[in-house]
Protein backbone atom coordinates (compact mmCIF):
# COMPACT_ATOMS: atom_id res chain seq x y z
CA MET A 1 4.18 -23.48 27.54
CA SER A 2 1.70 -20.61 27.37
CA ASP A 3 -1.83 -21.14 28.72
CA ASP A 4 -3.16 -18.80 26.06
CA PRO A 5 -5.08 -20.96 23.52
CA LEU A 6 -4.07 -18.47 20.83
CA HIS A 7 -0.36 -18.94 21.39
CA THR A 8 0.55 -21.41 18.65
CA ARG A 9 3.76 -22.49 16.97
CA LEU A 10 3.03 -19.89 14.31
CA CYS A 11 3.44 -17.19 16.97
CA ASP A 12 6.86 -18.62 17.87
CA ILE A 13 7.98 -18.83 14.23
CA LEU A 14 6.81 -15.33 13.30
CA GLY A 15 7.50 -13.67 16.64
CA SER A 16 3.96 -12.38 16.98
CA GLU A 17 1.59 -12.28 19.95
CA LEU A 18 -1.38 -13.55 17.93
CA PRO A 19 -1.64 -16.29 15.28
CA ILE A 20 -3.16 -13.78 12.88
CA VAL A 21 -1.44 -12.86 9.64
CA CYS A 22 -2.63 -9.51 8.32
CA PHE A 23 -2.27 -9.36 4.55
CA THR A 24 -2.58 -5.83 3.25
CA HIS A 25 -1.45 -3.55 0.43
CA CYS A 26 -1.48 -0.59 2.84
CA ARG A 27 1.66 0.12 4.84
CA GLU A 28 -0.27 2.01 7.55
CA VAL A 29 -2.40 -1.09 8.13
CA ALA A 30 0.73 -3.26 8.26
CA VAL A 31 2.27 -1.10 10.98
CA ALA A 32 -0.95 -0.92 13.01
CA ALA A 33 -1.51 -4.69 12.76
CA THR A 34 2.02 -5.42 13.96
CA ARG A 35 1.58 -3.11 16.93
CA ALA A 36 -1.71 -4.91 17.68
CA GLY A 37 0.08 -8.29 17.96
CA CYS A 38 -0.50 -9.67 14.45
CA PHE A 39 2.13 -10.51 11.84
CA ALA A 40 1.85 -8.21 8.82
CA VAL A 41 2.51 -9.21 5.22
CA LEU A 42 2.63 -6.27 2.85
CA GLY A 43 1.52 -6.95 -0.74
CA GLU A 44 4.01 -5.28 -3.09
CA ALA A 45 3.38 -6.98 -6.45
CA LEU A 46 1.83 -3.80 -7.89
CA ARG A 47 4.70 -1.56 -6.80
CA SER A 48 7.68 -0.30 -8.77
CA MET A 49 11.21 -0.97 -7.54
CA GLU A 50 11.41 2.50 -6.01
CA GLU A 51 8.05 2.06 -4.28
CA ILE A 52 9.04 -1.32 -2.81
CA GLU A 53 12.24 0.15 -1.40
CA ARG A 54 10.31 3.12 -0.03
CA ASP A 55 7.61 0.99 1.61
CA ILE A 56 10.04 -1.40 3.25
CA GLY A 57 12.05 1.49 4.68
CA TRP A 58 8.90 3.28 5.87
CA VAL A 59 7.55 0.23 7.69
CA ARG A 60 10.96 -0.70 9.12
CA ASP A 61 11.42 2.79 10.57
CA ARG A 62 8.22 2.30 12.57
CA ILE A 63 8.15 -1.34 13.68
CA GLY A 64 11.58 -2.79 12.94
CA SER A 65 12.11 -5.70 10.59
CA ASN A 66 9.54 -8.24 11.76
CA PHE A 67 7.15 -8.23 8.82
CA GLY A 68 6.79 -9.98 5.47
CA ILE A 69 6.46 -9.04 1.81
CA ASP A 70 4.06 -10.73 -0.62
CA LEU A 71 4.86 -11.04 -4.33
CA VAL A 72 2.71 -12.60 -7.07
CA LEU A 73 4.95 -14.50 -9.47
CA PRO A 74 3.11 -16.51 -12.15
CA ALA A 75 5.53 -19.12 -13.45
CA ARG A 76 4.36 -18.78 -17.08
CA ALA A 77 4.77 -15.03 -17.44
CA PRO A 78 6.75 -13.82 -20.48
CA ARG A 79 10.49 -13.47 -19.87
CA ASP A 80 11.07 -9.80 -20.57
CA ALA A 81 8.31 -8.32 -22.76
CA THR A 82 7.08 -4.86 -21.85
CA PRO A 83 3.42 -4.33 -20.91
CA GLU A 84 2.95 -2.57 -24.25
CA GLU A 85 4.41 -5.52 -26.16
CA ILE A 86 2.21 -7.98 -24.26
CA TYR A 87 -0.87 -5.80 -24.85
CA ALA A 88 -0.10 -5.75 -28.59
CA GLU A 89 -0.40 -9.57 -28.66
CA ILE A 90 -3.99 -9.55 -27.37
CA PRO A 91 -6.37 -10.84 -30.07
CA ALA A 92 -8.52 -8.29 -31.88
CA GLU A 93 -11.68 -10.15 -30.79
CA HIS A 94 -10.85 -9.61 -27.13
CA LEU A 95 -9.93 -5.97 -27.61
CA ALA A 96 -13.24 -5.37 -29.39
CA PHE A 97 -15.19 -7.14 -26.64
CA ALA A 98 -13.49 -5.03 -23.97
CA GLU A 99 -14.21 -1.86 -25.91
CA ASP A 100 -17.87 -2.88 -26.21
CA ILE A 101 -18.11 -3.25 -22.41
CA GLU A 102 -16.57 0.19 -21.96
CA ALA A 103 -19.04 1.70 -24.41
CA ARG A 104 -22.06 -0.15 -23.03
CA PHE A 105 -21.41 0.95 -19.44
CA ASP A 106 -19.96 4.36 -20.29
CA VAL A 107 -16.58 3.56 -18.75
CA PRO A 108 -14.37 6.64 -19.03
CA ALA A 109 -10.78 6.45 -20.23
CA PRO A 110 -8.14 6.42 -17.47
CA THR A 111 -6.84 9.79 -16.36
CA ASN A 112 -4.02 8.45 -14.16
CA GLU A 113 -1.21 5.95 -14.61
CA VAL A 114 -2.53 2.42 -15.18
CA VAL A 115 -1.33 0.72 -12.01
CA LEU A 116 -1.63 -2.85 -13.32
CA ARG A 117 1.08 -2.12 -15.90
CA LYS A 118 3.58 -2.35 -13.00
CA TRP A 119 2.38 -5.77 -11.82
CA GLY A 120 5.21 -8.19 -11.08
CA GLY A 121 3.37 -10.94 -12.91
CA ASN A 122 3.64 -9.15 -16.24
CA ASN A 123 7.07 -10.58 -17.00
CA GLN A 124 9.84 -12.54 -15.35
CA LYS A 125 12.29 -9.66 -15.59
CA ILE A 126 10.10 -7.45 -13.40
CA ALA A 127 9.48 -10.36 -11.03
CA ARG A 128 13.21 -11.06 -10.70
CA ALA A 129 13.94 -7.42 -9.97
CA GLN A 130 11.24 -7.38 -7.27
CA ILE A 131 12.63 -10.58 -5.73
CA ASP A 132 16.17 -9.20 -5.67
CA MET A 133 14.98 -5.99 -4.06
CA VAL A 134 13.10 -7.83 -1.30
CA LEU A 135 15.93 -10.32 -0.65
CA GLU A 136 18.50 -7.55 -0.42
CA SER A 137 16.27 -5.59 1.95
CA GLY A 138 16.68 -8.15 4.72
CA VAL A 139 12.94 -8.72 5.19
CA PRO A 140 12.67 -12.01 7.14
CA VAL A 141 9.56 -13.46 5.45
CA ILE A 142 8.45 -13.65 1.81
CA ALA A 143 5.00 -14.89 0.81
CA THR A 144 4.06 -15.86 -2.71
CA GLY A 145 1.12 -17.31 -4.60
CA LEU A 146 0.53 -18.47 -8.19
CA GLY A 147 3.87 -20.26 -8.12
CA ALA A 148 7.41 -18.99 -7.66
CA PRO A 149 10.75 -19.66 -9.35
CA ASP A 150 13.04 -22.23 -7.79
CA PHE A 151 15.83 -19.71 -7.30
CA LEU A 152 13.64 -17.74 -4.89
CA PHE A 153 13.44 -20.70 -2.52
CA ASP A 154 17.17 -21.37 -2.90
CA GLU A 155 18.22 -17.79 -2.24
CA ALA A 156 15.73 -17.35 0.60
CA ARG A 157 17.10 -20.45 2.30
CA ALA A 158 20.68 -19.23 1.89
CA ARG A 159 19.77 -15.90 3.52
CA GLY A 160 17.67 -17.38 6.32
CA VAL A 161 14.48 -15.90 4.91
CA LYS A 162 11.31 -17.87 5.68
CA MET A 163 8.96 -18.67 2.80
CA ILE A 164 5.16 -18.72 3.00
CA ALA A 165 3.47 -20.45 0.05
CA LEU A 166 -0.20 -19.78 -0.72
CA VAL A 167 -1.95 -22.79 -2.25
CA GLY A 168 -5.44 -23.83 -3.27
CA ALA A 169 -4.99 -27.61 -3.39
CA THR A 170 -3.24 -30.30 -1.37
CA ARG A 171 -1.04 -31.34 -4.30
CA GLN A 172 0.23 -27.77 -4.48
CA ALA A 173 0.92 -27.76 -0.75
CA LEU A 174 2.96 -30.96 -1.01
CA ALA A 175 4.95 -29.56 -3.92
CA GLN A 176 5.68 -26.29 -2.15
CA ALA A 177 6.72 -28.07 1.04
CA GLU A 178 9.08 -30.22 -1.02
CA ARG A 179 10.62 -27.06 -2.44
CA GLY A 180 11.25 -25.77 1.06
CA ALA A 181 8.25 -23.66 2.05
CA ASP A 182 8.38 -22.98 5.80
CA MET A 183 4.65 -22.31 6.09
CA ILE A 184 1.66 -23.13 3.92
CA VAL A 185 -1.42 -20.96 3.53
CA ALA A 186 -4.35 -23.30 2.80
CA GLN A 187 -6.59 -20.96 0.88
CA GLY A 188 -10.23 -21.93 0.54
CA TYR A 189 -12.71 -21.22 -2.23
CA ASP A 190 -14.28 -18.42 -0.19
CA ALA A 191 -11.07 -16.38 0.01
CA ALA A 192 -10.53 -13.01 -1.62
CA GLY A 193 -8.19 -12.70 -4.58
CA HIS A 194 -6.68 -15.63 -6.44
CA THR A 195 -8.02 -18.82 -4.95
CA GLY A 196 -8.80 -22.42 -5.82
CA GLY A 197 -11.99 -24.44 -5.89
CA VAL A 198 -11.99 -26.24 -2.50
CA GLY A 199 -13.77 -24.78 0.53
CA THR A 200 -11.82 -23.62 3.57
CA PHE A 201 -13.46 -26.19 5.85
CA SER A 202 -12.24 -28.97 3.57
CA ILE A 203 -8.82 -27.79 2.44
CA VAL A 204 -7.41 -26.74 5.83
CA PRO A 205 -7.70 -30.11 7.64
CA GLU A 206 -6.71 -31.95 4.47
CA ILE A 207 -3.43 -30.06 4.14
CA ALA A 208 -2.81 -30.07 7.89
CA ALA A 209 -3.12 -33.87 7.91
CA ALA A 210 -0.87 -34.22 4.87
CA LEU A 211 1.86 -31.96 6.29
CA PRO A 212 1.87 -32.38 10.07
CA GLU A 213 5.37 -30.91 10.43
CA VAL A 214 4.64 -27.75 8.45
CA PRO A 215 2.60 -24.95 10.04
CA VAL A 216 -0.61 -24.51 8.05
CA ILE A 217 -2.29 -21.12 7.98
CA ALA A 218 -6.01 -21.09 7.19
CA ALA A 219 -7.36 -18.57 4.68
CA GLY A 220 -10.78 -17.97 3.17
CA GLY A 221 -13.75 -16.19 4.68
CA ILE A 222 -12.01 -15.59 8.03
CA THR A 223 -13.31 -12.34 9.50
CA THR A 224 -14.31 -13.15 13.12
CA GLY A 225 -12.93 -14.76 16.24
CA ARG A 226 -15.21 -17.73 15.66
CA HIS A 227 -13.47 -18.28 12.33
CA LEU A 228 -10.10 -18.11 14.07
CA ALA A 229 -11.16 -20.61 16.74
CA ALA A 230 -12.59 -22.96 14.12
CA SER A 231 -9.39 -22.78 12.08
CA LEU A 232 -7.30 -23.86 15.07
CA CYS A 233 -9.71 -26.75 15.66
CA LEU A 234 -9.26 -27.80 12.02
CA GLY A 235 -5.52 -28.16 12.57
CA ALA A 236 -4.28 -24.74 11.45
CA ALA A 237 -1.58 -22.93 13.39
CA GLY A 238 -3.10 -19.58 12.58
CA VAL A 239 -5.10 -17.58 10.05
CA TRP A 240 -4.39 -15.43 7.00
CA THR A 241 -6.76 -12.45 6.84
CA GLY A 242 -7.24 -9.79 4.18
CA THR A 243 -10.84 -8.63 3.72
CA LEU A 244 -11.02 -7.90 7.45
CA TRP A 245 -8.65 -4.92 7.16
CA LEU A 246 -9.97 -3.27 3.98
CA THR A 247 -12.40 -1.01 5.83
CA SER A 248 -10.20 -0.24 8.82
CA GLU A 249 -9.61 3.40 9.72
CA GLU A 250 -6.00 3.13 8.60
CA SER A 251 -6.82 1.52 5.25
CA ASP A 252 -6.13 3.52 2.08
CA VAL A 253 -8.90 1.74 0.12
CA ASP A 254 -11.03 4.26 -1.76
CA PRO A 255 -13.88 5.44 0.53
CA ILE A 256 -16.38 4.58 -2.21
CA VAL A 257 -15.15 0.98 -2.28
CA LYS A 258 -15.15 0.89 1.52
CA GLU A 259 -18.85 1.74 1.47
CA ARG A 260 -19.52 -1.11 -0.97
CA ILE A 261 -17.60 -3.56 1.20
CA LEU A 262 -19.38 -2.51 4.39
CA ALA A 263 -22.75 -3.09 2.72
CA ALA A 264 -21.82 -6.33 0.93
CA ASP A 265 -22.71 -9.94 1.68
CA GLY A 266 -20.81 -13.00 0.52
CA ASP A 267 -23.09 -13.64 -2.45
CA GLU A 268 -22.18 -10.21 -3.85
CA THR A 269 -18.71 -11.54 -4.59
CA THR A 270 -17.84 -13.71 -7.57
CA ARG A 271 -14.99 -16.08 -8.36
CA SER A 272 -13.98 -15.12 -11.86
CA ALA A 273 -10.94 -15.41 -14.12
CA SER A 274 -12.01 -12.32 -16.07
CA ILE A 275 -9.79 -9.97 -14.09
CA SER A 276 -6.38 -11.65 -14.34
CA GLY A 277 -6.82 -14.87 -16.30
CA LYS A 278 -6.79 -16.91 -13.07
CA THR A 279 -9.74 -17.50 -10.77
CA MET A 280 -10.04 -14.57 -8.41
CA ARG A 281 -12.75 -13.62 -5.92
CA VAL A 282 -13.87 -9.99 -6.20
CA LEU A 283 -16.95 -7.86 -5.75
CA ARG A 284 -19.24 -8.26 -8.75
CA CYS A 285 -19.00 -5.54 -11.38
CA PRO A 286 -20.02 -5.14 -15.03
CA TRP A 287 -16.65 -6.44 -16.25
CA THR A 288 -17.00 -9.78 -14.43
CA GLU A 289 -20.69 -10.13 -15.27
CA VAL A 290 -20.25 -9.65 -19.03
CA TRP A 291 -17.07 -11.72 -19.42
CA ASP A 292 -18.59 -14.62 -17.45
CA ALA A 293 -21.85 -14.57 -19.41
CA GLU A 294 -22.64 -16.93 -22.27
CA GLY A 295 -21.24 -15.82 -25.60
CA ALA A 296 -18.15 -14.04 -24.28
CA PRO A 297 -14.79 -14.91 -25.85
CA ASP A 298 -12.64 -17.46 -24.05
CA LEU A 299 -10.67 -15.75 -21.31
CA LEU A 300 -6.99 -15.11 -21.93
CA LYS A 301 -4.24 -16.48 -19.73
CA SER A 302 -2.30 -14.34 -17.30
CA PRO A 303 -0.88 -11.73 -17.80
CA TYR A 304 -2.79 -11.01 -21.04
CA GLN A 305 -6.21 -10.91 -19.38
CA MET A 306 -4.85 -8.74 -16.56
CA LEU A 307 -3.50 -6.18 -19.01
CA LEU A 308 -6.74 -6.28 -21.00
CA THR A 309 -8.64 -5.53 -17.78
CA SER A 310 -6.32 -2.75 -16.68
CA ARG A 311 -7.92 0.00 -18.75
CA TYR A 312 -11.44 -0.76 -17.44
CA LEU A 313 -10.33 -0.89 -13.80
CA GLN A 314 -8.26 2.27 -13.97
CA GLY A 315 -11.01 4.16 -15.79
CA ALA A 316 -13.60 3.07 -13.20
CA ASN A 317 -11.34 4.07 -10.30
CA ASP A 318 -10.30 7.40 -11.79
CA ALA A 319 -13.94 8.33 -12.41
CA ARG A 320 -14.90 7.14 -8.89
CA ARG A 321 -17.86 5.21 -10.29
CA PRO A 322 -19.15 2.79 -7.60
CA ASP A 323 -21.28 1.00 -10.20
CA LEU A 324 -18.12 0.02 -12.08
CA MET A 325 -15.54 -0.42 -9.32
CA THR A 326 -14.48 -3.69 -7.71
CA GLU A 327 -12.08 -5.04 -5.09
CA ALA A 328 -10.72 -8.43 -4.06
CA VAL A 329 -13.12 -9.41 -1.25
CA GLY A 330 -13.80 -12.75 0.44
CA GLN A 331 -17.13 -14.33 1.31
CA GLY A 332 -16.67 -13.54 5.01
CA VAL A 333 -17.40 -9.90 4.15
CA HIS A 334 -20.85 -10.15 5.79
CA PHE A 335 -19.17 -9.71 9.18
CA VAL A 336 -17.26 -6.59 8.12
CA ARG A 337 -19.82 -3.97 9.05
CA ASP A 338 -18.03 -0.93 10.48
CA GLU A 339 -14.91 1.17 10.09
CA ARG A 340 -12.71 0.62 13.12
CA PRO A 341 -9.05 1.01 14.04
CA VAL A 342 -6.87 -1.99 13.18
CA ALA A 343 -6.07 -2.49 16.88
CA ALA A 344 -9.77 -2.77 17.74
CA ILE A 345 -10.34 -5.30 14.94
CA ALA A 346 -7.44 -7.48 16.10
CA ALA A 347 -8.47 -7.30 19.75
CA SER A 348 -12.09 -8.17 18.94
CA MET A 349 -11.05 -11.20 16.89
CA ALA A 350 -8.68 -12.44 19.59
CA ASP A 351 -11.16 -11.90 22.43
CA GLN A 352 -13.94 -13.71 20.63
CA ALA A 353 -11.68 -16.63 19.74
CA ARG A 354 -10.47 -16.97 23.34
CA ASP A 355 -14.07 -16.85 24.56
CA VAL A 356 -15.18 -19.58 22.13
CA LEU A 357 -12.22 -21.84 22.90
CA GLY A 358 -12.57 -21.19 26.64
CA ARG A 359 -16.23 -22.21 26.66
CA PHE A 360 -15.42 -25.45 24.85
CA ARG A 361 -12.55 -26.13 27.23
CA ALA A 362 -14.88 -25.55 30.20
CA ARG A 363 -17.29 -28.16 28.89
């Protein structure tokens, strides 16, 4: 058995040096994180079929096959409607409210393709095509949040693909373990992106106690080695990190958004359903502020709210307006204060965690 306090069973399962899962939408970050000893999971839910195939091949050419793919697969998405057909079903009241926000804050019309129209959560047909592409690619790990169809677990098991399920409540963790999830990400309230309402310090030990045989990966506000050490003490086998990598040198996040992230504190994020129809932690922006204020229409369910939001987000990004732009960012953002190489970020987190755990062991 290794004497390294950071060598956990998650390292053995994933074949990584460190119990750090790097979630990223950037393939350059995924490659750099793998080379730094982490296990990379590449978010591909916003990619077309051709882009998914391209990204998997690009990453595999550089680091081999030991990485994962993340897909977002809402169980209640329409079966096969096009984004245009779904958009046409949005109530007139909501369209008018969105147009009023755009007018009030002088949001320009998009000048590029609206990326969210390609989201795998828009309909089950797109989601199935993405699943088939990833399964056929031979990627050894698939991660999914917001639910996943039963056939994905069945086909993954048949192919020897490991499944990581992201959950925000213990009941969800139990259900996903019953379906055959190999690992559970216990995602706390303070996490970036879609997340539940229980804090990381509460949900991690709760799920770890409920599922002692399943490796639990802590997520939510984890941006330092102290967070990593604390997660292991709570019963986690490792950590799931996302915000940490957004401002890395390799990251393709817009430099304007990088500047916002580097200057942000946790209270400059908000947990809002106004982006996608499901609670999601992002940097505050006019869209979230107005939709979450009193008097706004009731938020639509996913994917209707996501498609309604798509025009605002694309217009803000295309115009490079920092006052309008947002990003999925967790409350641990306070500790993300400089732009460094991915390898330096991983090494710093590991060194600090070893130091903390070593000092406690010495006592």
